[in-house]
């Protein structure tokens, strides 16, 4: 039994025609930082097209690495949803396929330093009948309109890490 890990970067994100985070790259003092800027009061979503490489069974651990652009307190509510299609088996129309029910996690900024990387983690169990080799679409959104989301600044997503069992 092994753990499969996939890393999803801001550069690979896709967007619908509205309600999406801005892609941005800031040149830090020593290296560039690519990020998706999720607004404080909006519901914005980004999508990644992935393959369920060697997926075995069970939930998928989703780590969302993010930082506050200019704040040191507050909570960010993240929502994650998945849609899966098995090639040559599913008869679903790819252009109208629905996402499974979204799961959410609230992550609290640990304070003291703005631009400090935080990690929100959830176990995604609404997997839309995911099977090994499936084409899948992962949506990650900030639910800024929710009262639990109190970070009064952009949340900059820097990376997503998926982890799951191959058995």
Protein backbone atom coordinates (compact mmCIF):
# COMPACT_ATOMS: atom_id res chain seq x y z
CA UNK A 1 0.00 0.00 0.00
CA UNK A 2 1.35 3.38 -0.99
CA UNK A 3 0.17 6.94 -0.87
CA UNK A 4 -0.25 8.74 -4.18
CA UNK A 5 0.38 12.49 -4.12
CA UNK A 6 -0.50 15.05 -6.76
CA UNK A 7 0.44 18.73 -6.59
CA UNK A 8 -1.82 21.31 -8.27
CA UNK A 9 -0.33 24.73 -8.92
CA UNK A 10 -2.04 28.09 -9.59
CA UNK A 11 -0.55 28.14 -13.10
CA UNK A 12 -2.62 25.07 -14.06
CA UNK A 13 -5.98 26.41 -12.84
CA UNK A 14 -8.89 26.96 -15.20
CA UNK A 15 -11.79 29.35 -14.71
CA UNK A 16 -15.40 29.89 -15.68
CA UNK A 17 -16.30 33.24 -17.28
CA UNK A 18 -17.19 34.88 -13.94
CA UNK A 19 -16.57 34.57 -10.18
CA UNK A 20 -12.96 33.45 -10.40
CA UNK A 21 -9.81 34.39 -8.48
CA UNK A 22 -7.20 36.47 -10.26
CA UNK A 23 -3.99 34.70 -11.24
CA UNK A 24 -1.02 36.74 -10.15
CA UNK A 25 2.74 36.42 -9.78
CA UNK A 26 4.66 38.55 -7.36
CA UNK A 27 8.43 38.82 -7.52
CA UNK A 28 9.62 38.22 -3.99
CA UNK A 29 13.05 39.27 -2.79
CA UNK A 30 14.56 35.92 -3.77
CA UNK A 31 12.07 34.04 -5.96
CA UNK A 32 8.74 34.53 -7.77
CA UNK A 33 5.49 33.46 -6.09
CA UNK A 34 2.57 32.39 -8.28
CA UNK A 35 -0.82 32.68 -6.61
CA UNK A 36 -4.56 32.84 -7.05
CA UNK A 37 -6.09 35.85 -5.30
CA UNK A 38 -9.47 34.99 -3.79
CA UNK A 39 -11.48 38.08 -2.79
CA UNK A 40 -12.57 38.59 0.80
CA UNK A 41 -16.33 38.92 0.30
CA UNK A 42 -16.97 37.00 -2.92
CA UNK A 43 -17.45 33.34 -3.78
CA UNK A 44 -14.73 32.61 -6.34
CA UNK A 45 -13.71 29.25 -7.82
CA UNK A 46 -10.83 27.71 -9.71
CA UNK A 47 -10.76 24.29 -11.38
CA UNK A 48 -8.07 21.70 -12.05
CA UNK A 49 -8.41 18.84 -14.55
CA UNK A 50 -6.66 15.76 -13.17
CA UNK A 51 -6.34 12.03 -13.70
CA UNK A 52 -7.04 9.69 -10.78
CA UNK A 53 -3.60 8.09 -11.08
CA UNK A 54 -3.52 4.73 -9.27
CA UNK A 55 -6.53 5.65 -7.13
CA UNK A 56 -7.42 2.70 -4.89
CA UNK A 57 -10.13 3.56 -2.39
CA UNK A 58 -11.08 5.86 0.44
CA UNK A 59 -11.12 9.61 0.82
CA UNK A 60 -8.73 12.10 -0.70
CA UNK A 61 -6.80 14.37 1.63
CA UNK A 62 -6.81 17.89 0.21
CA UNK A 63 -4.23 20.36 1.54
CA UNK A 64 -4.78 23.98 0.50
CA UNK A 65 -1.74 26.20 1.04
CA UNK A 66 -2.63 29.87 1.23
CA UNK A 67 -1.65 33.15 2.82
CA UNK A 68 -3.31 36.45 3.69
CA UNK A 69 -2.08 39.19 1.37
CA UNK A 70 -2.28 41.84 4.07
CA UNK A 71 -3.89 40.58 7.28
CA UNK A 72 -2.89 38.75 10.44
CA UNK A 73 -6.25 37.55 11.76
CA UNK A 74 -9.40 35.95 10.46
CA UNK A 75 -10.88 32.75 9.10
CA UNK A 76 -11.09 31.60 5.47
CA UNK A 77 -13.81 29.15 4.41
CA UNK A 78 -12.70 26.89 1.57
CA UNK A 79 -15.02 24.62 -0.42
CA UNK A 80 -13.88 21.61 -2.44
CA UNK A 81 -15.91 19.55 -4.91
CA UNK A 82 -15.07 16.83 -7.43
CA UNK A 83 -16.60 15.48 -10.63
CA UNK A 84 -15.36 12.18 -12.08
CA UNK A 85 -15.92 10.46 -15.42
CA UNK A 86 -14.77 6.95 -16.34
CA UNK A 87 -13.76 6.97 -20.02
CA UNK A 88 -15.62 4.46 -22.24
CA UNK A 89 -17.89 3.49 -19.34
CA UNK A 90 -19.81 6.56 -18.16
CA UNK A 91 -22.44 7.90 -20.53
CA UNK A 92 -22.40 11.35 -18.89
CA UNK A 93 -22.19 14.42 -21.12
CA UNK A 94 -18.81 15.97 -20.22
CA UNK A 95 -20.10 19.50 -20.81
CA UNK A 96 -23.02 19.17 -18.39
CA UNK A 97 -21.52 16.86 -15.76
CA UNK A 98 -22.34 17.99 -12.20
CA UNK A 99 -19.89 18.21 -9.31
CA UNK A 100 -20.44 16.05 -6.24
CA UNK A 101 -21.62 17.83 -3.09
CA UNK A 102 -19.09 20.38 -1.89
CA UNK A 103 -17.28 19.88 1.40
CA UNK A 104 -15.93 22.81 3.40
CA UNK A 105 -13.16 23.59 5.84
CA UNK A 106 -12.57 26.75 7.88
CA UNK A 107 -8.93 27.70 8.41
CA UNK A 108 -7.84 30.32 10.93
CA UNK A 109 -4.90 32.60 10.25
CA UNK A 110 -2.34 31.95 12.99
CA UNK A 111 -1.55 35.63 13.39
CA UNK A 112 1.60 37.71 13.85
CA UNK A 113 2.73 37.80 10.22
CA UNK A 114 0.92 38.71 7.01
CA UNK A 115 1.95 36.53 4.05
CA UNK A 116 2.60 33.55 6.33
CA UNK A 117 1.67 30.28 4.60
CA UNK A 118 -1.29 28.49 6.19
CA UNK A 119 -2.51 24.98 5.35
CA UNK A 120 -6.21 24.09 5.35
CA UNK A 121 -6.80 20.32 5.25
CA UNK A 122 -9.95 18.33 4.60
CA UNK A 123 -10.72 14.73 3.72
CA UNK A 124 -12.84 14.71 0.58
CA UNK A 125 -15.32 11.82 0.76
CA UNK A 126 -17.88 12.99 -1.84
CA UNK A 127 -15.91 11.44 -4.71
CA UNK A 128 -18.58 11.02 -7.42
CA UNK A 129 -17.78 7.29 -7.82
CA UNK A 130 -14.11 8.00 -8.56
CA UNK A 131 -12.13 5.06 -9.98
CA UNK A 132 -8.50 4.59 -10.98
CA UNK A 133 -7.74 6.30 -14.29
CA UNK A 134 -10.84 8.52 -14.25
CA UNK A 135 -10.76 12.01 -15.64
CA UNK A 136 -11.71 14.32 -12.80
CA UNK A 137 -12.27 18.01 -12.21
CA UNK A 138 -11.53 19.51 -8.81
CA UNK A 139 -13.10 22.81 -7.82
CA UNK A 140 -11.58 24.85 -5.00
CA UNK A 141 -13.39 27.98 -3.97
CA UNK A 142 -13.35 30.55 -1.25
CA UNK A 143 -16.81 31.09 0.19
CA UNK A 144 -16.27 34.71 1.14
CA UNK A 145 -20.00 35.40 1.39
CA UNK A 146 -20.30 33.00 4.32
CA UNK A 147 -20.40 34.63 7.75
CA UNK A 148 -17.74 32.20 9.03
CA UNK A 149 -15.22 33.69 6.56
CA UNK A 150 -13.84 36.67 8.48
CA UNK A 151 -10.47 37.32 6.80
CA UNK A 152 -10.93 40.87 5.54
CA UNK A 153 -8.33 40.53 2.81
CA UNK A 154 -7.47 38.47 -0.25
CA UNK A 155 -6.48 34.86 0.40
CA UNK A 156 -3.61 33.91 -1.92
CA UNK A 157 -3.65 30.22 -2.84
CA UNK A 158 -0.13 28.94 -3.63
CA UNK A 159 -0.60 25.17 -3.94
CA UNK A 160 -2.99 22.26 -3.52
CA UNK A 161 -1.79 18.80 -2.57
CA UNK A 162 -3.95 15.69 -3.07
CA UNK A 163 -3.07 12.48 -1.21
CA UNK A 164 -4.85 9.11 -1.43
CA UNK A 165 -4.30 5.37 -1.16
CA UNK A 166 -3.49 3.21 -4.17
CA UNK A 167 -5.26 0.19 -2.64
